[in-house]
Amino acid sequence: MHEYSLIQALLERVDAAARQHGATRVERLRVRVGELAGVERELLASAYELARTGTCCAAAELELLDEPARWECGRCGAAIARGAVLRCGECGAPARLAGGDALVLERLEMEVP
């Protein structure tokens, strides 16, 4: 289950940010999960519940936001509709993935003195 290692890395990143800002506690994490990120949302949430005990995120809420995959033309930038052929209808160039393939810590809410 690689979601657990992703959560471990996330907690390390949050801990470093909390120490950098002198935070007394972390209140909330908002993470954007891309449709093509290769992450099972439920497993990620479950791994967070297990791993956060004893960390600066012990009481922090994890908010997961879904991000759909988006494709666009690699040449002219035209958007390519979901389910369409991955080739531009305008210029014929191949499509490129424009979003929805990442796991991003979007927001971190901390209590600082």
PDB file of N, CA and C in Angstrom:
ATOM      1  N   MET A   1       0.849  -1.170   0.000  1.00  0.00           N
ATOM      2  CA  MET A   1       0.000   0.000   0.000  1.00  0.00           C
ATOM      3  C   MET A   1       0.898   1.237   0.000  1.00  0.00           C
ATOM      4  N   HIS A   2       1.092   1.824  -1.150  1.00  0.00           N
ATOM      5  CA  HIS A   2       1.975   2.975  -1.246  1.00  0.00           C
ATOM      6  C   HIS A   2       1.330   4.239  -0.692  1.00  0.00           C
ATOM      7  N   GLU A   3       0.025   4.207  -0.434  1.00  0.00           N
ATOM      8  CA  GLU A   3      -0.642   5.360   0.173  1.00  0.00           C
ATOM      9  C   GLU A   3      -0.048   5.655   1.541  1.00  0.00           C
ATOM     10  N   TYR A   4       0.346   4.624   2.274  1.00  0.00           N
ATOM     11  CA  TYR A   4       0.947   4.832   3.589  1.00  0.00           C
ATOM     12  C   TYR A   4       2.274   5.589   3.465  1.00  0.00           C
ATOM     13  N   SER A   5       3.092   5.235   2.488  1.00  0.00           N
ATOM     14  CA  SER A   5       4.362   5.962   2.309  1.00  0.00           C
ATOM     15  C   SER A   5       4.108   7.396   1.844  1.00  0.00           C
ATOM     16  N   LEU A   6       3.055   7.609   1.062  1.00  0.00           N
ATOM     17  CA  LEU A   6       2.700   8.975   0.662  1.00  0.00           C
ATOM     18  C   LEU A   6       2.279   9.798   1.872  1.00  0.00           C
ATOM     19  N   ILE A   7       1.511   9.198   2.763  1.00  0.00           N
ATOM     20  CA  ILE A   7       1.091   9.893   3.982  1.00  0.00           C
ATOM     21  C   ILE A   7       2.290  10.172   4.881  1.00  0.00           C
ATOM     22  N   GLN A   8       3.210   9.223   4.980  1.00  0.00           N
ATOM     23  CA  GLN A   8       4.416   9.446   5.783  1.00  0.00           C
ATOM     24  C   GLN A   8       5.182  10.665   5.253  1.00  0.00           C
ATOM     25  N   ALA A   9       5.340  10.745   3.946  1.00  0.00           N
ATOM     26  CA  ALA A   9       6.034  11.882   3.333  1.00  0.00           C
ATOM     27  C   ALA A   9       5.260  13.180   3.570  1.00  0.00           C
ATOM     28  N   LEU A  10       3.943  13.119   3.470  1.00  0.00           N
ATOM     29  CA  LEU A  10       3.112  14.293   3.719  1.00  0.00           C
ATOM     30  C   LEU A  10       3.276  14.774   5.159  1.00  0.00           C
ATOM     31  N   LEU A  11       3.237  13.852   6.111  1.00  0.00           N
ATOM     32  CA  LEU A  11       3.392  14.218   7.518  1.00  0.00           C
ATOM     33  C   LEU A  11       4.767  14.814   7.796  1.00  0.00           C
ATOM     34  N   GLU A  12       5.792  14.304   7.159  1.00  0.00           N
ATOM     35  CA  GLU A  12       7.140  14.871   7.319  1.00  0.00           C
ATOM     36  C   GLU A  12       7.190  16.297   6.777  1.00  0.00           C
ATOM     37  N   ARG A  13       6.558  16.512   5.639  1.00  0.00           N
ATOM     38  CA  ARG A  13       6.525  17.854   5.046  1.00  0.00           C
ATOM     39  C   ARG A  13       5.762  18.827   5.932  1.00  0.00           C
ATOM     40  N   VAL A  14       4.627  18.395   6.445  1.00  0.00           N
ATOM     41  CA  VAL A  14       3.817  19.239   7.322  1.00  0.00           C
ATOM     42  C   VAL A  14       4.571  19.526   8.615  1.00  0.00           C
ATOM     43  N   ASP A  15       5.227  18.520   9.179  1.00  0.00           N
ATOM     44  CA  ASP A  15       6.009  18.719  10.402  1.00  0.00           C
ATOM     45  C   ASP A  15       7.111  19.753  10.184  1.00  0.00           C
ATOM     46  N   ALA A  16       7.791  19.679   9.059  1.00  0.00           N
ATOM     47  CA  ALA A  16       8.851  20.656   8.756  1.00  0.00           C
ATOM     48  C   ALA A  16       8.271  22.069   8.641  1.00  0.00           C
ATOM     49  N   ALA A  17       7.130  22.198   7.995  1.00  0.00           N
ATOM     50  CA  ALA A  17       6.493  23.509   7.854  1.00  0.00           C
ATOM     51  C   ALA A  17       6.023  24.030   9.209  1.00  0.00           C
ATOM     52  N   ALA A  18       5.479  23.159  10.031  1.00  0.00           N
ATOM     53  CA  ALA A  18       5.016  23.555  11.363  1.00  0.00           C
ATOM     54  C   ALA A  18       6.192  24.033  12.220  1.00  0.00           C
ATOM     55  N   ARG A  19       7.300  23.315  12.186  1.00  0.00           N
ATOM     56  CA  ARG A  19       8.492  23.739  12.940  1.00  0.00           C
ATOM     57  C   ARG A  19       9.031  25.057  12.423  1.00  0.00           C
ATOM     58  N   GLN A  20       9.049  25.217  11.113  1.00  0.00           N
ATOM     59  CA  GLN A  20       9.557  26.445  10.495  1.00  0.00           C
ATOM     60  C   GLN A  20       8.760  27.671  10.957  1.00  0.00           C
ATOM     61  N   HIS A  21       7.464  27.505  11.124  1.00  0.00           N
ATOM     62  CA  HIS A  21       6.601  28.628  11.500  1.00  0.00           C
ATOM     63  C   HIS A  21       6.315  28.678  12.997  1.00  0.00           C
ATOM     64  N   GLY A  22       6.883  27.764  13.766  1.00  0.00           N
ATOM     65  CA  GLY A  22       6.672  27.744  15.212  1.00  0.00           C
ATOM     66  C   GLY A  22       5.242  27.406  15.597  1.00  0.00           C
ATOM     67  N   ALA A  23       4.585  26.594  14.805  1.00  0.00           N
ATOM     68  CA  ALA A  23       3.182  26.244  15.058  1.00  0.00           C
ATOM     69  C   ALA A  23       3.051  25.400  16.317  1.00  0.00           C
ATOM     70  N   THR A  24       1.989  25.657  17.059  1.00  0.00           N
ATOM     71  CA  THR A  24       1.715  24.863  18.252  1.00  0.00           C
ATOM     72  C   THR A  24       0.859  23.645  17.919  1.00  0.00           C
ATOM     73  N   ARG A  25       0.118  23.735  16.823  1.00  0.00           N
ATOM     74  CA  ARG A  25      -0.655  22.580  16.352  1.00  0.00           C
ATOM     75  C   ARG A  25      -1.094  22.803  14.915  1.00  0.00           C
ATOM     76  N   VAL A  26      -1.414  21.708  14.269  1.00  0.00           N
ATOM     77  CA  VAL A  26      -1.926  21.753  12.905  1.00  0.00           C
ATOM     78  C   VAL A  26      -3.422  21.480  12.989  1.00  0.00           C
ATOM     79  N   GLU A  27      -4.218  22.321  12.339  1.00  0.00           N
ATOM     80  CA  GLU A  27      -5.670  22.215  12.403  1.00  0.00           C
ATOM     81  C   GLU A  27      -6.267  21.412  11.241  1.00  0.00           C
ATOM     82  N   ARG A  28      -5.739  21.650  10.027  1.00  0.00           N
ATOM     83  CA  ARG A  28      -6.346  21.040   8.846  1.00  0.00           C
ATOM     84  C   ARG A  28      -5.342  20.947   7.709  1.00  0.00           C
ATOM     85  N   LEU A  29      -5.466  19.877   6.935  1.00  0.00           N
ATOM     86  CA  LEU A  29      -4.697  19.693   5.705  1.00  0.00           C
ATOM     87  C   LEU A  29      -5.693  19.552   4.567  1.00  0.00           C
ATOM     88  N   ARG A  30      -5.432  20.240   3.473  1.00  0.00           N
ATOM     89  CA  ARG A  30      -6.253  20.063   2.270  1.00  0.00           C
ATOM     90  C   ARG A  30      -5.341  19.521   1.182  1.00  0.00           C
ATOM     91  N   VAL A  31      -5.691  18.354   0.674  1.00  0.00           N
ATOM     92  CA  VAL A  31      -4.880  17.679  -0.328  1.00  0.00           C
ATOM     93  C   VAL A  31      -5.731  17.442  -1.569  1.00  0.00           C
ATOM     94  N   ARG A  32      -5.190  17.857  -2.717  1.00  0.00           N
ATOM     95  CA  ARG A  32      -5.859  17.645  -3.999  1.00  0.00           C
ATOM     96  C   ARG A  32      -5.343  16.337  -4.589  1.00  0.00           C
ATOM     97  N   VAL A  33      -6.269  15.431  -4.901  1.00  0.00           N
ATOM     98  CA  VAL A  33      -5.936  14.097  -5.419  1.00  0.00           C
ATOM     99  C   VAL A  33      -6.369  14.011  -6.875  1.00  0.00           C
ATOM    100  N   GLY A  34      -5.403  13.940  -7.760  1.00  0.00           N
ATOM    101  CA  GLY A  34      -5.700  13.835  -9.179  1.00  0.00           C
ATOM    102  C   GLY A  34      -6.259  12.466  -9.535  1.00  0.00           C
ATOM    103  N   GLU A  35      -7.191  12.480 -10.463  1.00  0.00           N
ATOM    104  CA  GLU A  35      -7.835  11.247 -10.928  1.00  0.00           C
ATOM    105  C   GLU A  35      -6.808  10.232 -11.431  1.00  0.00           C
ATOM    106  N   LEU A  36      -5.732  10.709 -12.049  1.00  0.00           N
ATOM    107  CA  LEU A  36      -4.707   9.827 -12.603  1.00  0.00           C
ATOM    108  C   LEU A  36      -3.430   9.794 -11.754  1.00  0.00           C
ATOM    109  N   ALA A  37      -3.547  10.150 -10.478  1.00  0.00           N
ATOM    110  CA  ALA A  37      -2.382  10.174  -9.587  1.00  0.00           C
ATOM    111  C   ALA A  37      -1.985   8.778  -9.119  1.00  0.00           C
ATOM    112  N   GLY A  38      -2.829   7.793  -9.370  1.00  0.00           N
ATOM    113  CA  GLY A  38      -2.509   6.435  -8.942  1.00  0.00           C
ATOM    114  C   GLY A  38      -2.684   6.237  -7.449  1.00  0.00           C
ATOM    115  N   VAL A  39      -3.627   6.989  -6.862  1.00  0.00           N
ATOM    116  CA  VAL A  39      -3.855   6.942  -5.423  1.00  0.00           C
ATOM    117  C   VAL A  39      -5.303   6.566  -5.157  1.00  0.00           C
ATOM    118  N   GLU A  40      -5.499   5.622  -4.259  1.00  0.00           N
ATOM    119  CA  GLU A  40      -6.847   5.261  -3.825  1.00  0.00           C
ATOM    120  C   GLU A  40      -7.229   6.195  -2.684  1.00  0.00           C
ATOM    121  N   ARG A  41      -8.230   6.994  -2.930  1.00  0.00           N
ATOM    122  CA  ARG A  41      -8.652   8.017  -1.968  1.00  0.00           C
ATOM    123  C   ARG A  41      -8.961   7.418  -0.584  1.00  0.00           C
ATOM    124  N   GLU A  42      -9.704   6.320  -0.543  1.00  0.00           N
ATOM    125  CA  GLU A  42     -10.091   5.695   0.718  1.00  0.00           C
ATOM    126  C   GLU A  42      -8.872   5.148   1.465  1.00  0.00           C
ATOM    127  N   LEU A  43      -7.941   4.566   0.735  1.00  0.00           N
ATOM    128  CA  LEU A  43      -6.721   4.051   1.371  1.00  0.00           C
ATOM    129  C   LEU A  43      -5.864   5.197   1.905  1.00  0.00           C
ATOM    130  N   LEU A  44      -5.831   6.306   1.188  1.00  0.00           N
ATOM    131  CA  LEU A  44      -5.080   7.485   1.642  1.00  0.00           C
ATOM    132  C   LEU A  44      -5.661   8.000   2.958  1.00  0.00           C
ATOM    133  N   ALA A  45      -6.978   8.117   3.029  1.00  0.00           N
ATOM    134  CA  ALA A  45      -7.635   8.585   4.250  1.00  0.00           C
ATOM    135  C   ALA A  45      -7.398   7.611   5.402  1.00  0.00           C
ATOM    136  N   SER A  46      -7.461   6.340   5.124  1.00  0.00           N
ATOM    137  CA  SER A  46      -7.229   5.322   6.145  1.00  0.00           C
ATOM    138  C   SER A  46      -5.784   5.359   6.641  1.00  0.00           C
ATOM    139  N   ALA A  47      -4.849   5.497   5.728  1.00  0.00           N
ATOM    140  CA  ALA A  47      -3.431   5.587   6.104  1.00  0.00           C
ATOM    141  C   ALA A  47      -3.177   6.822   6.962  1.00  0.00           C
ATOM    142  N   TYR A  48      -3.845   7.921   6.643  1.00  0.00           N
ATOM    143  CA  TYR A  48      -3.701   9.142   7.436  1.00  0.00           C
ATOM    144  C   TYR A  48      -4.178   8.909   8.868  1.00  0.00           C
ATOM    145  N   GLU A  49      -5.321   8.256   9.013  1.00  0.00           N
ATOM    146  CA  GLU A  49      -5.851   7.993  10.348  1.00  0.00           C
ATOM    147  C   GLU A  49      -4.869   7.165  11.184  1.00  0.00           C
ATOM    148  N   LEU A  50      -4.216   6.205  10.555  1.00  0.00           N
ATOM    149  CA  LEU A  50      -3.252   5.360  11.269  1.00  0.00           C
ATOM    150  C   LEU A  50      -1.957   6.094  11.581  1.00  0.00           C
ATOM    151  N   ALA A  51      -1.465   6.874  10.639  1.00  0.00           N
ATOM    152  CA  ALA A  51      -0.123   7.460  10.760  1.00  0.00           C
ATOM    153  C   ALA A  51      -0.072   8.755  11.557  1.00  0.00           C
ATOM    154  N   ARG A  52      -1.180   9.453  11.692  1.00  0.00           N
ATOM    155  CA  ARG A  52      -1.125  10.779  12.331  1.00  0.00           C
ATOM    156  C   ARG A  52      -0.980  10.739  13.836  1.00  0.00           C
ATOM    157  N   THR A  53      -1.284   9.615  14.466  1.00  0.00           N
ATOM    158  CA  THR A  53      -1.162   9.493  15.914  1.00  0.00           C
ATOM    159  C   THR A  53       0.261   9.823  16.368  1.00  0.00           C
ATOM    160  N   GLY A  54       0.371  10.709  17.337  1.00  0.00           N
ATOM    161  CA  GLY A  54       1.676  11.079  17.876  1.00  0.00           C
ATOM    162  C   GLY A  54       2.446  12.087  17.041  1.00  0.00           C
ATOM    163  N   THR A  55       1.806  12.634  16.009  1.00  0.00           N
ATOM    164  CA  THR A  55       2.460  13.644  15.167  1.00  0.00           C
ATOM    165  C   THR A  55       1.812  15.005  15.411  1.00  0.00           C
ATOM    166  N   CYS A  56       2.339  16.023  14.775  1.00  0.00           N
ATOM    167  CA  CYS A  56       1.750  17.361  14.890  1.00  0.00           C
ATOM    168  C   CYS A  56       0.362  17.404  14.256  1.00  0.00           C
ATOM    169  N   CYS A  57       0.008  16.396  13.503  1.00  0.00           N
ATOM    170  CA  CYS A  57      -1.298  16.323  12.835  1.00  0.00           C
ATOM    171  C   CYS A  57      -2.281  15.426  13.580  1.00  0.00           C
ATOM    172  N   ALA A  58      -1.966  15.083  14.819  1.00  0.00           N
ATOM    173  CA  ALA A  58      -2.805  14.143  15.559  1.00  0.00           C
ATOM    174  C   ALA A  58      -4.267  14.561  15.615  1.00  0.00           C
ATOM    175  N   ALA A  59      -4.531  15.861  15.702  1.00  0.00           N
ATOM    176  CA  ALA A  59      -5.912  16.353  15.780  1.00  0.00           C
ATOM    177  C   ALA A  59      -6.353  17.043  14.491  1.00  0.00           C
ATOM    178  N   ALA A  60      -5.535  16.997  13.476  1.00  0.00           N
ATOM    179  CA  ALA A  60      -5.829  17.731  12.235  1.00  0.00           C
ATOM    180  C   ALA A  60      -6.765  16.958  11.324  1.00  0.00           C
ATOM    181  N   GLU A  61      -7.706  17.690  10.763  1.00  0.00           N
ATOM    182  CA  GLU A  61      -8.635  17.121   9.789  1.00  0.00           C
ATOM    183  C   GLU A  61      -7.945  17.030   8.429  1.00  0.00           C
ATOM    184  N   LEU A  62      -8.185  15.953   7.720  1.00  0.00           N
ATOM    185  CA  LEU A  62      -7.672  15.784   6.364  1.00  0.00           C
ATOM    186  C   LEU A  62      -8.831  15.963   5.395  1.00  0.00           C
ATOM    187  N   GLU A  63      -8.721  16.954   4.536  1.00  0.00           N
ATOM    188  CA  GLU A  63      -9.732  17.200   3.515  1.00  0.00           C
ATOM    189  C   GLU A  63      -9.151  16.788   2.172  1.00  0.00           C
ATOM    190  N   LEU A  64      -9.812  15.873   1.498  1.00  0.00           N
ATOM    191  CA  LEU A  64      -9.355  15.393   0.194  1.00  0.00           C
ATOM    192  C   LEU A  64     -10.261  15.954  -0.892  1.00  0.00           C
ATOM    193  N   LEU A  65      -9.659  16.613  -1.869  1.00  0.00           N
ATOM    194  CA  LEU A  65     -10.391  17.172  -3.001  1.00  0.00           C
ATOM    195  C   LEU A  65     -10.058  16.374  -4.251  1.00  0.00           C
ATOM    196  N   ASP A  66     -11.063  16.003  -5.000  1.00  0.00           N
ATOM    197  CA  ASP A  66     -10.850  15.273  -6.245  1.00  0.00           C
ATOM    198  C   ASP A  66     -10.562  16.249  -7.375  1.00  0.00           C
ATOM    199  N   GLU A  67      -9.596  15.896  -8.217  1.00  0.00           N
ATOM    200  CA  GLU A  67      -9.289  16.701  -9.402  1.00  0.00           C
ATOM    201  C   GLU A  67      -9.408  15.799 -10.629  1.00  0.00           C
ATOM    202  N   PRO A  68     -10.313  16.126 -11.533  1.00  0.00           N
ATOM    203  CA  PRO A  68     -10.464  15.303 -12.742  1.00  0.00           C
ATOM    204  C   PRO A  68      -9.275  15.490 -13.688  1.00  0.00           C
ATOM    205  N   ALA A  69      -9.042  14.482 -14.491  1.00  0.00           N
ATOM    206  CA  ALA A  69      -7.985  14.569 -15.515  1.00  0.00           C
ATOM    207  C   ALA A  69      -8.429  15.567 -16.584  1.00  0.00           C
ATOM    208  N   ARG A  70      -7.469  16.347 -17.070  1.00  0.00           N
ATOM    209  CA  ARG A  70      -7.743  17.312 -18.143  1.00  0.00           C
ATOM    210  C   ARG A  70      -6.681  17.143 -19.220  1.00  0.00           C
ATOM    211  N   TRP A  71      -7.129  17.188 -20.461  1.00  0.00           N
ATOM    212  CA  TRP A  71      -6.242  17.051 -21.604  1.00  0.00           C
ATOM    213  C   TRP A  71      -6.323  18.311 -22.456  1.00  0.00           C
ATOM    214  N   GLU A  72      -5.217  18.644 -23.095  1.00  0.00           N
ATOM    215  CA  GLU A  72      -5.203  19.782 -24.024  1.00  0.00           C
ATOM    216  C   GLU A  72      -4.221  19.504 -25.146  1.00  0.00           C
ATOM    217  N   CYS A  73      -4.333  20.289 -26.198  1.00  0.00           N
ATOM    218  CA  CYS A  73      -3.433  20.154 -27.335  1.00  0.00           C
ATOM    219  C   CYS A  73      -2.038  20.616 -26.929  1.00  0.00           C
ATOM    220  N   GLY A  74      -1.055  19.822 -27.268  1.00  0.00           N
ATOM    221  CA  GLY A  74       0.324  20.182 -26.969  1.00  0.00           C
ATOM    222  C   GLY A  74       0.857  21.304 -27.842  1.00  0.00           C
ATOM    223  N   ARG A  75       0.203  21.590 -28.935  1.00  0.00           N
ATOM    224  CA  ARG A  75       0.660  22.625 -29.858  1.00  0.00           C
ATOM    225  C   ARG A  75      -0.094  23.947 -29.653  1.00  0.00           C
ATOM    226  N   CYS A  76      -1.432  23.903 -29.732  1.00  0.00           N
ATOM    227  CA  CYS A  76      -2.200  25.157 -29.689  1.00  0.00           C
ATOM    228  C   CYS A  76      -2.896  25.402 -28.356  1.00  0.00           C
ATOM    229  N   GLY A  77      -2.887  24.414 -27.457  1.00  0.00           N
ATOM    230  CA  GLY A  77      -3.469  24.586 -26.136  1.00  0.00           C
ATOM    231  C   GLY A  77      -4.974  24.416 -26.049  1.00  0.00           C
ATOM    232  N   ALA A  78      -5.623  24.023 -27.133  1.00  0.00           N
ATOM    233  CA  ALA A  78      -7.068  23.831 -27.110  1.00  0.00           C
ATOM    234  C   ALA A  78      -7.434  22.693 -26.155  1.00  0.00           C
ATOM    235  N   ALA A  79      -8.516  22.891 -25.390  1.00  0.00           N
ATOM    236  CA  ALA A  79      -8.989  21.854 -24.477  1.00  0.00           C
ATOM    237  C   ALA A  79      -9.547  20.680 -25.279  1.00  0.00           C
ATOM    238  N   ILE A  80      -9.334  19.477 -24.768  1.00  0.00           N
ATOM    239  CA  ILE A  80      -9.836  18.273 -25.415  1.00  0.00           C
ATOM    240  C   ILE A  80     -10.852  17.648 -24.466  1.00  0.00           C
ATOM    241  N   ALA A  81     -12.044  17.435 -24.956  1.00  0.00           N
ATOM    242  CA  ALA A  81     -13.155  16.943 -24.140  1.00  0.00           C
ATOM    243  C   ALA A  81     -12.858  15.566 -23.561  1.00  0.00           C
ATOM    244  N   ARG A  82     -13.378  15.349 -22.385  1.00  0.00           N
ATOM    245  CA  ARG A  82     -13.247  14.060 -21.711  1.00  0.00           C
ATOM    246  C   ARG A  82     -13.854  12.974 -22.593  1.00  0.00           C
ATOM    247  N   GLY A  83     -13.129  11.903 -22.794  1.00  0.00           N
ATOM    248  CA  GLY A  83     -13.601  10.779 -23.587  1.00  0.00           C
ATOM    249  C   GLY A  83     -13.371  10.916 -25.080  1.00  0.00           C
ATOM    250  N   ALA A  84     -12.884  12.079 -25.507  1.00  0.00           N
ATOM    251  CA  ALA A  84     -12.628  12.297 -26.936  1.00  0.00           C
ATOM    252  C   ALA A  84     -11.305  11.650 -27.336  1.00  0.00           C
ATOM    253  N   VAL A  85     -11.088  11.543 -28.627  1.00  0.00           N
ATOM    254  CA  VAL A  85      -9.814  11.067 -29.142  1.00  0.00           C
ATOM    255  C   VAL A  85      -8.739  12.037 -28.666  1.00  0.00           C
ATOM    256  N   LEU A  86      -7.601  11.507 -28.244  1.00  0.00           N
ATOM    257  CA  LEU A  86      -6.544  12.355 -27.681  1.00  0.00           C
ATOM    258  C   LEU A  86      -5.696  12.994 -28.788  1.00  0.00           C
ATOM    259  N   ARG A  87      -6.381  13.723 -29.622  1.00  0.00           N
ATOM    260  CA  ARG A  87      -5.764  14.453 -30.725  1.00  0.00           C
ATOM    261  C   ARG A  87      -6.590  15.726 -30.897  1.00  0.00           C
ATOM    262  N   CYS A  88      -5.930  16.837 -31.141  1.00  0.00           N
ATOM    263  CA  CYS A  88      -6.605  18.131 -31.264  1.00  0.00           C
ATOM    264  C   CYS A  88      -7.540  18.160 -32.468  1.00  0.00           C
ATOM    265  N   GLY A  89      -8.762  18.606 -32.245  1.00  0.00           N
ATOM    266  CA  GLY A  89      -9.722  18.755 -33.321  1.00  0.00           C
ATOM    267  C   GLY A  89      -9.446  19.983 -34.172  1.00  0.00           C
ATOM    268  N   GLU A  90      -8.648  20.909 -33.652  1.00  0.00           N
ATOM    269  CA  GLU A  90      -8.319  22.147 -34.363  1.00  0.00           C
ATOM    270  C   GLU A  90      -7.111  21.975 -35.287  1.00  0.00           C
ATOM    271  N   CYS A  91      -6.008  21.463 -34.711  1.00  0.00           N
ATOM    272  CA  CYS A  91      -4.768  21.405 -35.498  1.00  0.00           C
ATOM    273  C   CYS A  91      -4.242  19.987 -35.727  1.00  0.00           C
ATOM    274  N   GLY A  92      -4.865  18.982 -35.090  1.00  0.00           N
ATOM    275  CA  GLY A  92      -4.467  17.604 -35.308  1.00  0.00           C
ATOM    276  C   GLY A  92      -3.291  17.108 -34.485  1.00  0.00           C
ATOM    277  N   ALA A  93      -2.714  17.977 -33.657  1.00  0.00           N
ATOM    278  CA  ALA A  93      -1.564  17.582 -32.831  1.00  0.00           C
ATOM    279  C   ALA A  93      -2.015  16.650 -31.701  1.00  0.00           C
ATOM    280  N   PRO A  94      -1.095  15.821 -31.203  1.00  0.00           N
ATOM    281  CA  PRO A  94      -1.445  14.934 -30.088  1.00  0.00           C
ATOM    282  C   PRO A  94      -1.757  15.736 -28.822  1.00  0.00           C
ATOM    283  N   ALA A  95      -2.614  15.149 -27.999  1.00  0.00           N
ATOM    284  CA  ALA A  95      -2.978  15.767 -26.728  1.00  0.00           C
ATOM    285  C   ALA A  95      -1.878  15.545 -25.702  1.00  0.00           C
ATOM    286  N   ARG A  96      -1.910  16.395 -24.686  1.00  0.00           N
ATOM    287  CA  ARG A  96      -1.029  16.188 -23.534  1.00  0.00           C
ATOM    288  C   ARG A  96      -1.857  16.341 -22.271  1.00  0.00           C
ATOM    289  N   LEU A  97      -1.473  15.638 -21.239  1.00  0.00           N
ATOM    290  CA  LEU A  97      -2.168  15.704 -19.966  1.00  0.00           C
ATOM    291  C   LEU A  97      -1.896  17.060 -19.342  1.00  0.00           C
ATOM    292  N   ALA A  98      -2.944  17.808 -19.028  1.00  0.00           N
ATOM    293  CA  ALA A  98      -2.800  19.164 -18.493  1.00  0.00           C
ATOM    294  C   ALA A  98      -3.104  19.245 -17.003  1.00  0.00           C
ATOM    295  N   GLY A  99      -3.588  18.187 -16.419  1.00  0.00           N
ATOM    296  CA  GLY A  99      -3.889  18.204 -14.989  1.00  0.00           C
ATOM    297  C   GLY A  99      -4.591  16.933 -14.574  1.00  0.00           C
ATOM    298  N   GLY A 100      -4.621  16.731 -13.267  1.00  0.00           N
ATOM    299  CA  GLY A 100      -5.305  15.552 -12.739  1.00  0.00           C
ATOM    300  C   GLY A 100      -4.420  14.354 -12.531  1.00  0.00           C
ATOM    301  N   ASP A 101      -3.099  14.570 -12.522  1.00  0.00           N
ATOM    302  CA  ASP A 101      -2.175  13.455 -12.324  1.00  0.00           C
ATOM    303  C   ASP A 101      -1.292  13.642 -11.096  1.00  0.00           C
ATOM    304  N   ALA A 102      -1.660  14.582 -10.222  1.00  0.00           N
ATOM    305  CA  ALA A 102      -0.794  14.908  -9.089  1.00  0.00           C
ATOM    306  C   ALA A 102      -1.505  14.720  -7.754  1.00  0.00           C
ATOM    307  N   LEU A 103      -0.712  14.676  -6.727  1.00  0.00           N
ATOM    308  CA  LEU A 103      -1.165  14.682  -5.341  1.00  0.00           C
ATOM    309  C   LEU A 103      -0.520  15.923  -4.737  1.00  0.00           C
ATOM    310  N   VAL A 104      -1.335  16.916  -4.353  1.00  0.00           N
ATOM    311  CA  VAL A 104      -0.808  18.229  -3.966  1.00  0.00           C
ATOM    312  C   VAL A 104      -1.323  18.636  -2.599  1.00  0.00           C
ATOM    313  N   LEU A 105      -0.408  19.018  -1.706  1.00  0.00           N
ATOM    314  CA  LEU A 105      -0.793  19.643  -0.447  1.00  0.00           C
ATOM    315  C   LEU A 105      -1.185  21.071  -0.801  1.00  0.00           C
ATOM    316  N   GLU A 106      -2.472  21.321  -0.844  1.00  0.00           N
ATOM    317  CA  GLU A 106      -2.994  22.595  -1.316  1.00  0.00           C
ATOM    318  C   GLU A 106      -3.082  23.646  -0.213  1.00  0.00           C
ATOM    319  N   ARG A 107      -3.383  23.202   0.992  1.00  0.00           N
ATOM    320  CA  ARG A 107      -3.550  24.159   2.094  1.00  0.00           C
ATOM    321  C   ARG A 107      -3.164  23.491   3.408  1.00  0.00           C
ATOM    322  N   LEU A 108      -2.536  24.279   4.261  1.00  0.00           N
ATOM    323  CA  LEU A 108      -2.115  23.821   5.582  1.00  0.00           C
ATOM    324  C   LEU A 108      -2.522  24.895   6.573  1.00  0.00           C
ATOM    325  N   GLU A 109      -3.393  24.539   7.512  1.00  0.00           N
ATOM    326  CA  GLU A 109      -3.850  25.483   8.531  1.00  0.00           C
ATOM    327  C   GLU A 109      -3.197  25.115   9.848  1.00  0.00           C
ATOM    328  N   MET A 110      -2.463  26.077  10.418  1.00  0.00           N
ATOM    329  CA  MET A 110      -1.734  25.848  11.656  1.00  0.00           C
ATOM    330  C   MET A 110      -2.065  26.931  12.663  1.00  0.00           C
ATOM    331  N   GLU A 111      -1.911  26.593  13.925  1.00  0.00           N
ATOM    332  CA  GLU A 111      -2.042  27.578  14.988  1.00  0.00           C
ATOM    333  C   GLU A 111      -0.629  28.029  15.357  1.00  0.00           C
ATOM    334  N   VAL A 112      -0.371  29.311  15.189  1.00  0.00           N
ATOM    335  CA  VAL A 112       0.952  29.850  15.509  1.00  0.00           C
ATOM    336  C   VAL A 112       0.815  30.913  16.591  1.00  0.00           C
ATOM    337  N   PRO A 113       1.827  31.033  17.451  1.00  0.00           N
ATOM    338  CA  PRO A 113       1.751  32.046  18.530  1.00  0.00           C
ATOM    339  C   PRO A 113       1.832  33.458  17.984  1.00  0.00           C
TER     340      PRO A 113
END
